[in-house]
């Protein structure tokens, strides 16, 4: 029932539609020349990151234990 109603209403409403302008449905002009196509380097302005040797463990500060932070909580 609903399918028939949907088909009937779409057929009726499509008859009331305004036709599109001519430039929309006109075929493309094969003689028209667009701007030239150029290739651009996609890596311009990027940095390269290479792996480095790991740092020694002496550069890491020791972790504080709970209660030793000195944050004012007694």
PDB file of N, CA and C in Angstrom:
ATOM      1  N   UNK A   1       0.822  -1.196   0.000  1.00  0.00           N
ATOM      2  CA  UNK A   1       0.000   0.000   0.000  1.00  0.00           C
ATOM      3  C   UNK A   1       0.866   1.260   0.000  1.00  0.00           C
ATOM      4  N   UNK A   2       1.817   1.292   0.947  1.00  0.00           N
ATOM      5  CA  UNK A   2       2.669   2.488   1.038  1.00  0.00           C
ATOM      6  C   UNK A   2       3.600   2.609  -0.165  1.00  0.00           C
ATOM      7  N   UNK A   3       4.005   1.475  -0.698  1.00  0.00           N
ATOM      8  CA  UNK A   3       4.895   1.499  -1.851  1.00  0.00           C
ATOM      9  C   UNK A   3       4.176   2.100  -3.058  1.00  0.00           C
ATOM     10  N   UNK A   4       2.918   1.718  -3.263  1.00  0.00           N
ATOM     11  CA  UNK A   4       2.137   2.278  -4.376  1.00  0.00           C
ATOM     12  C   UNK A   4       1.917   3.765  -4.186  1.00  0.00           C
ATOM     13  N   UNK A   5       1.633   4.168  -2.956  1.00  0.00           N
ATOM     14  CA  UNK A   5       1.420   5.579  -2.668  1.00  0.00           C
ATOM     15  C   UNK A   5       2.691   6.385  -2.910  1.00  0.00           C
ATOM     16  N   UNK A   6       3.810   5.818  -2.531  1.00  0.00           N
ATOM     17  CA  UNK A   6       5.089   6.498  -2.751  1.00  0.00           C
ATOM     18  C   UNK A   6       5.379   6.646  -4.241  1.00  0.00           C
ATOM     19  N   UNK A   7       5.163   5.610  -5.005  1.00  0.00           N
ATOM     20  CA  UNK A   7       5.408   5.668  -6.453  1.00  0.00           C
ATOM     21  C   UNK A   7       4.461   6.665  -7.113  1.00  0.00           C
ATOM     22  N   UNK A   8       3.196   6.640  -6.737  1.00  0.00           N
ATOM     23  CA  UNK A   8       2.215   7.556  -7.321  1.00  0.00           C
ATOM     24  C   UNK A   8       2.544   9.005  -6.977  1.00  0.00           C
ATOM     25  N   UNK A   9       2.886   9.266  -5.707  1.00  0.00           N
ATOM     26  CA  UNK A   9       3.184  10.646  -5.314  1.00  0.00           C
ATOM     27  C   UNK A   9       4.470  11.146  -5.960  1.00  0.00           C
ATOM     28  N   UNK A  10       5.463  10.292  -6.120  1.00  0.00           N
ATOM     29  CA  UNK A  10       6.700  10.738  -6.779  1.00  0.00           C
ATOM     30  C   UNK A  10       6.454  11.008  -8.260  1.00  0.00           C
ATOM     31  N   UNK A  11       5.582  10.237  -8.897  1.00  0.00           N
ATOM     32  CA  UNK A  11       5.267  10.474 -10.311  1.00  0.00           C
ATOM     33  C   UNK A  11       4.515  11.786 -10.482  1.00  0.00           C
ATOM     34  N   UNK A  12       3.604  12.077  -9.573  1.00  0.00           N
ATOM     35  CA  UNK A  12       2.845  13.325  -9.655  1.00  0.00           C
ATOM     36  C   UNK A  12       3.747  14.520  -9.389  1.00  0.00           C
ATOM     37  N   UNK A  13       4.590  14.429  -8.367  1.00  0.00           N
ATOM     38  CA  UNK A  13       5.455  15.558  -8.021  1.00  0.00           C
ATOM     39  C   UNK A  13       6.558  15.786  -9.046  1.00  0.00           C
ATOM     40  N   UNK A  14       7.013  14.744  -9.713  1.00  0.00           N
ATOM     41  CA  UNK A  14       8.063  14.947 -10.718  1.00  0.00           C
ATOM     42  C   UNK A  14       7.529  15.677 -11.939  1.00  0.00           C
ATOM     43  N   UNK A  15       6.246  15.604 -12.174  1.00  0.00           N
ATOM     44  CA  UNK A  15       5.651  16.346 -13.280  1.00  0.00           C
ATOM     45  C   UNK A  15       5.591  17.829 -13.002  1.00  0.00           C
ATOM     46  N   UNK A  16       5.640  18.233 -11.753  1.00  0.00           N
ATOM     47  CA  UNK A  16       5.582  19.646 -11.382  1.00  0.00           C
ATOM     48  C   UNK A  16       6.979  20.261 -11.266  1.00  0.00           C
ATOM     49  N   UNK A  17       8.002  19.489 -11.494  1.00  0.00           N
ATOM     50  CA  UNK A  17       9.365  19.998 -11.320  1.00  0.00           C
ATOM     51  C   UNK A  17       9.732  20.964 -12.440  1.00  0.00           C
ATOM     52  N   UNK A  18      10.561  21.945 -12.101  1.00  0.00           N
ATOM     53  CA  UNK A  18      11.048  22.919 -13.075  1.00  0.00           C
ATOM     54  C   UNK A  18      12.197  22.285 -13.847  1.00  0.00           C
ATOM     55  N   UNK A  19      12.205  22.387 -15.164  1.00  0.00           N
ATOM     56  CA  UNK A  19      13.326  21.809 -15.924  1.00  0.00           C
ATOM     57  C   UNK A  19      14.624  22.554 -15.609  1.00  0.00           C
ATOM     58  N   UNK A  20      15.757  21.860 -15.617  1.00  0.00           N
ATOM     59  CA  UNK A  20      17.035  22.519 -15.306  1.00  0.00           C
ATOM     60  C   UNK A  20      17.443  23.473 -16.426  1.00  0.00           C
ATOM     61  N   UNK A  21      18.296  24.454 -16.125  1.00  0.00           N
ATOM     62  CA  UNK A  21      18.751  25.383 -17.156  1.00  0.00           C
ATOM     63  C   UNK A  21      19.535  24.658 -18.258  1.00  0.00           C
ATOM     64  N   UNK A  22      19.618  25.284 -19.404  1.00  0.00           N
ATOM     65  CA  UNK A  22      20.246  24.664 -20.574  1.00  0.00           C
ATOM     66  C   UNK A  22      21.728  24.369 -20.348  1.00  0.00           C
ATOM     67  N   UNK A  23      22.446  25.247 -19.625  1.00  0.00           N
ATOM     68  CA  UNK A  23      23.885  25.042 -19.451  1.00  0.00           C
ATOM     69  C   UNK A  23      24.187  23.836 -18.562  1.00  0.00           C
ATOM     70  N   UNK A  24      23.192  23.389 -17.794  1.00  0.00           N
ATOM     71  CA  UNK A  24      23.399  22.225 -16.937  1.00  0.00           C
ATOM     72  C   UNK A  24      23.330  20.933 -17.749  1.00  0.00           C
ATOM     73  N   UNK A  25      22.405  20.879 -18.693  1.00  0.00           N
ATOM     74  CA  UNK A  25      22.204  19.650 -19.463  1.00  0.00           C
ATOM     75  C   UNK A  25      22.929  19.658 -20.798  1.00  0.00           C
ATOM     76  N   UNK A  26      23.562  20.778 -21.166  1.00  0.00           N
ATOM     77  CA  UNK A  26      24.281  20.863 -22.439  1.00  0.00           C
ATOM     78  C   UNK A  26      25.545  20.005 -22.378  1.00  0.00           C
ATOM     79  N   UNK A  27      25.923  19.384 -23.478  1.00  0.00           N
ATOM     80  CA  UNK A  27      27.151  18.587 -23.481  1.00  0.00           C
ATOM     81  C   UNK A  27      28.386  19.476 -23.339  1.00  0.00           C
ATOM     82  N   UNK A  28      29.469  18.895 -22.898  1.00  0.00           N
ATOM     83  CA  UNK A  28      30.712  19.645 -22.719  1.00  0.00           C
ATOM     84  C   UNK A  28      31.286  20.042 -24.075  1.00  0.00           C
ATOM     85  N   UNK A  29      31.997  21.164 -24.106  1.00  0.00           N
ATOM     86  CA  UNK A  29      32.635  21.641 -25.330  1.00  0.00           C
ATOM     87  C   UNK A  29      33.988  20.952 -25.476  1.00  0.00           C
ATOM     88  N   UNK A  30      34.178  20.089 -26.472  1.00  0.00           N
ATOM     89  CA  UNK A  30      35.459  19.385 -26.607  1.00  0.00           C
ATOM     90  C   UNK A  30      36.605  20.291 -27.063  1.00  0.00           C
ATOM     91  N   UNK A  31      36.321  21.476 -27.565  1.00  0.00           N
ATOM     92  CA  UNK A  31      37.368  22.396 -28.023  1.00  0.00           C
ATOM     93  C   UNK A  31      37.900  23.290 -26.907  1.00  0.00           C
ATOM     94  N   UNK A  32      37.238  23.300 -25.759  1.00  0.00           N
ATOM     95  CA  UNK A  32      37.646  24.179 -24.673  1.00  0.00           C
ATOM     96  C   UNK A  32      38.946  23.692 -24.058  1.00  0.00           C
ATOM     97  N   UNK A  33      39.870  24.616 -23.819  1.00  0.00           N
ATOM     98  CA  UNK A  33      41.153  24.289 -23.204  1.00  0.00           C
ATOM     99  C   UNK A  33      41.179  24.835 -21.789  1.00  0.00           C
ATOM    100  N   UNK A  34      41.381  23.963 -20.840  1.00  0.00           N
ATOM    101  CA  UNK A  34      41.464  24.361 -19.446  1.00  0.00           C
ATOM    102  C   UNK A  34      42.878  24.767 -19.086  1.00  0.00           C
ATOM    103  N   UNK A  35      43.106  25.111 -17.840  1.00  0.00           N
ATOM    104  CA  UNK A  35      44.455  25.467 -17.413  1.00  0.00           C
ATOM    105  C   UNK A  35      45.371  24.250 -17.497  1.00  0.00           C
ATOM    106  N   UNK A  36      46.656  24.487 -17.750  1.00  0.00           N
ATOM    107  CA  UNK A  36      47.577  23.348 -17.864  1.00  0.00           C
ATOM    108  C   UNK A  36      47.704  22.598 -16.535  1.00  0.00           C
ATOM    109  N   UNK A  37      47.909  21.325 -16.645  1.00  0.00           N
ATOM    110  CA  UNK A  37      48.081  20.489 -15.459  1.00  0.00           C
ATOM    111  C   UNK A  37      49.565  20.467 -15.103  1.00  0.00           C
ATOM    112  N   UNK A  38      49.879  20.692 -13.839  1.00  0.00           N
ATOM    113  CA  UNK A  38      51.270  20.664 -13.409  1.00  0.00           C
ATOM    114  C   UNK A  38      51.405  19.763 -12.185  1.00  0.00           C
ATOM    115  N   UNK A  39      52.532  19.175 -12.060  1.00  0.00           N
ATOM    116  CA  UNK A  39      52.806  18.304 -10.921  1.00  0.00           C
ATOM    117  C   UNK A  39      53.548  19.103  -9.848  1.00  0.00           C
ATOM    118  N   UNK A  40      53.165  18.911  -8.614  1.00  0.00           N
ATOM    119  CA  UNK A  40      53.813  19.591  -7.505  1.00  0.00           C
ATOM    120  C   UNK A  40      54.416  18.554  -6.572  1.00  0.00           C
ATOM    121  N   UNK A  41      55.561  18.883  -6.004  1.00  0.00           N
ATOM    122  CA  UNK A  41      56.216  17.989  -5.059  1.00  0.00           C
ATOM    123  C   UNK A  41      55.446  18.011  -3.745  1.00  0.00           C
ATOM    124  N   UNK A  42      55.012  16.861  -3.282  1.00  0.00           N
ATOM    125  CA  UNK A  42      54.192  16.809  -2.075  1.00  0.00           C
ATOM    126  C   UNK A  42      55.023  16.863  -0.796  1.00  0.00           C
ATOM    127  N   UNK A  43      56.338  16.772  -0.882  1.00  0.00           N
ATOM    128  CA  UNK A  43      57.176  16.780   0.313  1.00  0.00           C
ATOM    129  C   UNK A  43      57.850  18.126   0.557  1.00  0.00           C
ATOM    130  N   UNK A  44      57.425  19.161  -0.123  1.00  0.00           N
ATOM    131  CA  UNK A  44      58.027  20.481   0.071  1.00  0.00           C
ATOM    132  C   UNK A  44      57.690  20.984   1.471  1.00  0.00           C
ATOM    133  N   UNK A  45      58.674  21.427   2.204  1.00  0.00           N
ATOM    134  CA  UNK A  45      58.465  22.001   3.523  1.00  0.00           C
ATOM    135  C   UNK A  45      58.378  20.984   4.645  1.00  0.00           C
ATOM    136  N   UNK A  46      58.625  19.732   4.377  1.00  0.00           N
ATOM    137  CA  UNK A  46      58.572  18.735   5.448  1.00  0.00           C
ATOM    138  C   UNK A  46      59.975  18.473   5.977  1.00  0.00           C
ATOM    139  N   UNK A  47      60.045  17.955   7.187  1.00  0.00           N
ATOM    140  CA  UNK A  47      61.322  17.604   7.789  1.00  0.00           C
ATOM    141  C   UNK A  47      61.472  16.091   7.771  1.00  0.00           C
ATOM    142  N   UNK A  48      62.702  15.648   7.720  1.00  0.00           N
ATOM    143  CA  UNK A  48      62.946  14.209   7.806  1.00  0.00           C
ATOM    144  C   UNK A  48      63.368  13.888   9.230  1.00  0.00           C
ATOM    145  N   UNK A  49      62.807  12.855   9.781  1.00  0.00           N
ATOM    146  CA  UNK A  49      63.128  12.416  11.125  1.00  0.00           C
ATOM    147  C   UNK A  49      63.779  11.042  11.030  1.00  0.00           C
ATOM    148  N   UNK A  50      65.000  10.969  11.448  1.00  0.00           N
ATOM    149  CA  UNK A  50      65.761   9.722  11.402  1.00  0.00           C
ATOM    150  C   UNK A  50      65.897   9.156  12.809  1.00  0.00           C
ATOM    151  N   UNK A  51      65.982   7.849  12.948  1.00  0.00           N
ATOM    152  CA  UNK A  51      66.175   7.272  14.283  1.00  0.00           C
ATOM    153  C   UNK A  51      67.540   7.671  14.853  1.00  0.00           C
ATOM    154  N   UNK A  52      67.579   7.839  16.153  1.00  0.00           N
ATOM    155  CA  UNK A  52      68.824   8.201  16.835  1.00  0.00           C
ATOM    156  C   UNK A  52      69.119   7.150  17.891  1.00  0.00           C
ATOM    157  N   UNK A  53      70.311   7.206  18.428  1.00  0.00           N
ATOM    158  CA  UNK A  53      70.704   6.276  19.489  1.00  0.00           C
ATOM    159  C   UNK A  53      69.945   6.634  20.762  1.00  0.00           C
ATOM    160  N   UNK A  54      69.563   5.648  21.561  1.00  0.00           N
ATOM    161  CA  UNK A  54      68.855   5.949  22.807  1.00  0.00           C
ATOM    162  C   UNK A  54      69.772   6.649  23.806  1.00  0.00           C
ATOM    163  N   UNK A  55      69.179   7.501  24.631  1.00  0.00           N
ATOM    164  CA  UNK A  55      69.962   8.194  25.653  1.00  0.00           C
ATOM    165  C   UNK A  55      70.200   7.274  26.840  1.00  0.00           C
ATOM    166  N   UNK A  56      71.167   7.650  27.631  1.00  0.00           N
ATOM    167  CA  UNK A  56      71.477   6.874  28.824  1.00  0.00           C
ATOM    168  C   UNK A  56      70.410   7.056  29.888  1.00  0.00           C
ATOM    169  N   UNK A  57      70.365   6.101  30.843  1.00  0.00           N
ATOM    170  CA  UNK A  57      69.386   6.162  31.898  1.00  0.00           C
ATOM    171  C   UNK A  57      69.705   7.250  32.914  1.00  0.00           C
ATOM    172  N   UNK A  58      70.873   7.815  32.876  1.00  0.00           N
ATOM    173  CA  UNK A  58      71.240   8.869  33.820  1.00  0.00           C
ATOM    174  C   UNK A  58      70.499  10.165  33.577  1.00  0.00           C
ATOM    175  N   UNK A  59      69.913  10.363  32.401  1.00  0.00           N
ATOM    176  CA  UNK A  59      69.216  11.608  32.082  1.00  0.00           C
ATOM    177  C   UNK A  59      67.781  11.627  32.609  1.00  0.00           C
ATOM    178  N   UNK A  60      67.287  10.498  33.129  1.00  0.00           N
ATOM    179  CA  UNK A  60      65.905  10.415  33.583  1.00  0.00           C
ATOM    180  C   UNK A  60      65.877  10.660  35.088  1.00  0.00           C
ATOM    181  N   UNK A  61      65.090  11.633  35.561  1.00  0.00           N
ATOM    182  CA  UNK A  61      65.018  11.878  37.007  1.00  0.00           C
ATOM    183  C   UNK A  61      64.318  10.713  37.696  1.00  0.00           C
ATOM    184  N   UNK A  62      64.675  10.434  38.947  1.00  0.00           N
ATOM    185  CA  UNK A  62      64.028   9.325  39.662  1.00  0.00           C
ATOM    186  C   UNK A  62      62.562   9.639  39.933  1.00  0.00           C
ATOM    187  N   UNK A  63      61.737   8.594  39.905  1.00  0.00           N
ATOM    188  CA  UNK A  63      60.310   8.777  40.176  1.00  0.00           C
ATOM    189  C   UNK A  63      60.101   8.990  41.671  1.00  0.00           C
ATOM    190  N   UNK A  64      59.147   9.865  41.987  1.00  0.00           N
ATOM    191  CA  UNK A  64      58.834  10.102  43.388  1.00  0.00           C
ATOM    192  C   UNK A  64      57.843   9.066  43.888  1.00  0.00           C
ATOM    193  N   UNK A  65      58.013   8.646  45.109  1.00  0.00           N
ATOM    194  CA  UNK A  65      57.076   7.700  45.702  1.00  0.00           C
ATOM    195  C   UNK A  65      55.896   8.477  46.267  1.00  0.00           C
ATOM    196  N   UNK A  66      54.786   7.777  46.483  1.00  0.00           N
ATOM    197  CA  UNK A  66      53.606   8.434  47.048  1.00  0.00           C
ATOM    198  C   UNK A  66      53.940   8.975  48.438  1.00  0.00           C
ATOM    199  N   UNK A  67      53.498  10.190  48.669  1.00  0.00           N
ATOM    200  CA  UNK A  67      53.725  10.804  49.972  1.00  0.00           C
ATOM    201  C   UNK A  67      55.012  11.618  50.023  1.00  0.00           C
ATOM    202  N   UNK A  68      55.898  11.486  49.051  1.00  0.00           N
ATOM    203  CA  UNK A  68      57.144  12.240  49.045  1.00  0.00           C
ATOM    204  C   UNK A  68      57.108  13.424  48.075  1.00  0.00           C
ATOM    205  N   UNK A  69      55.931  13.709  47.528  1.00  0.00           N
ATOM    206  CA  UNK A  69      55.871  14.762  46.523  1.00  0.00           C
ATOM    207  C   UNK A  69      56.031  16.146  47.117  1.00  0.00           C
ATOM    208  N   UNK A  70      55.721  16.315  48.397  1.00  0.00           N
ATOM    209  CA  UNK A  70      55.871  17.635  49.019  1.00  0.00           C
ATOM    210  C   UNK A  70      54.819  18.611  48.511  1.00  0.00           C
ATOM    211  N   UNK A  71      53.679  18.091  48.110  1.00  0.00           N
ATOM    212  CA  UNK A  71      52.619  18.942  47.574  1.00  0.00           C
ATOM    213  C   UNK A  71      51.756  19.580  48.639  1.00  0.00           C
ATOM    214  N   UNK A  72      52.130  19.495  49.912  1.00  0.00           N
ATOM    215  CA  UNK A  72      51.347  20.113  50.970  1.00  0.00           C
ATOM    216  C   UNK A  72      50.329  19.190  51.582  1.00  0.00           C
ATOM    217  N   UNK A  73      50.239  17.986  51.131  1.00  0.00           N
ATOM    218  CA  UNK A  73      49.287  17.035  51.704  1.00  0.00           C
ATOM    219  C   UNK A  73      50.013  16.231  52.789  1.00  0.00           C
ATOM    220  N   UNK A  74      49.539  16.299  53.978  1.00  0.00           N
ATOM    221  CA  UNK A  74      50.203  15.620  55.079  1.00  0.00           C
ATOM    222  C   UNK A  74      49.478  14.383  55.495  1.00  0.00           C
TER     223      UNK A  74
END
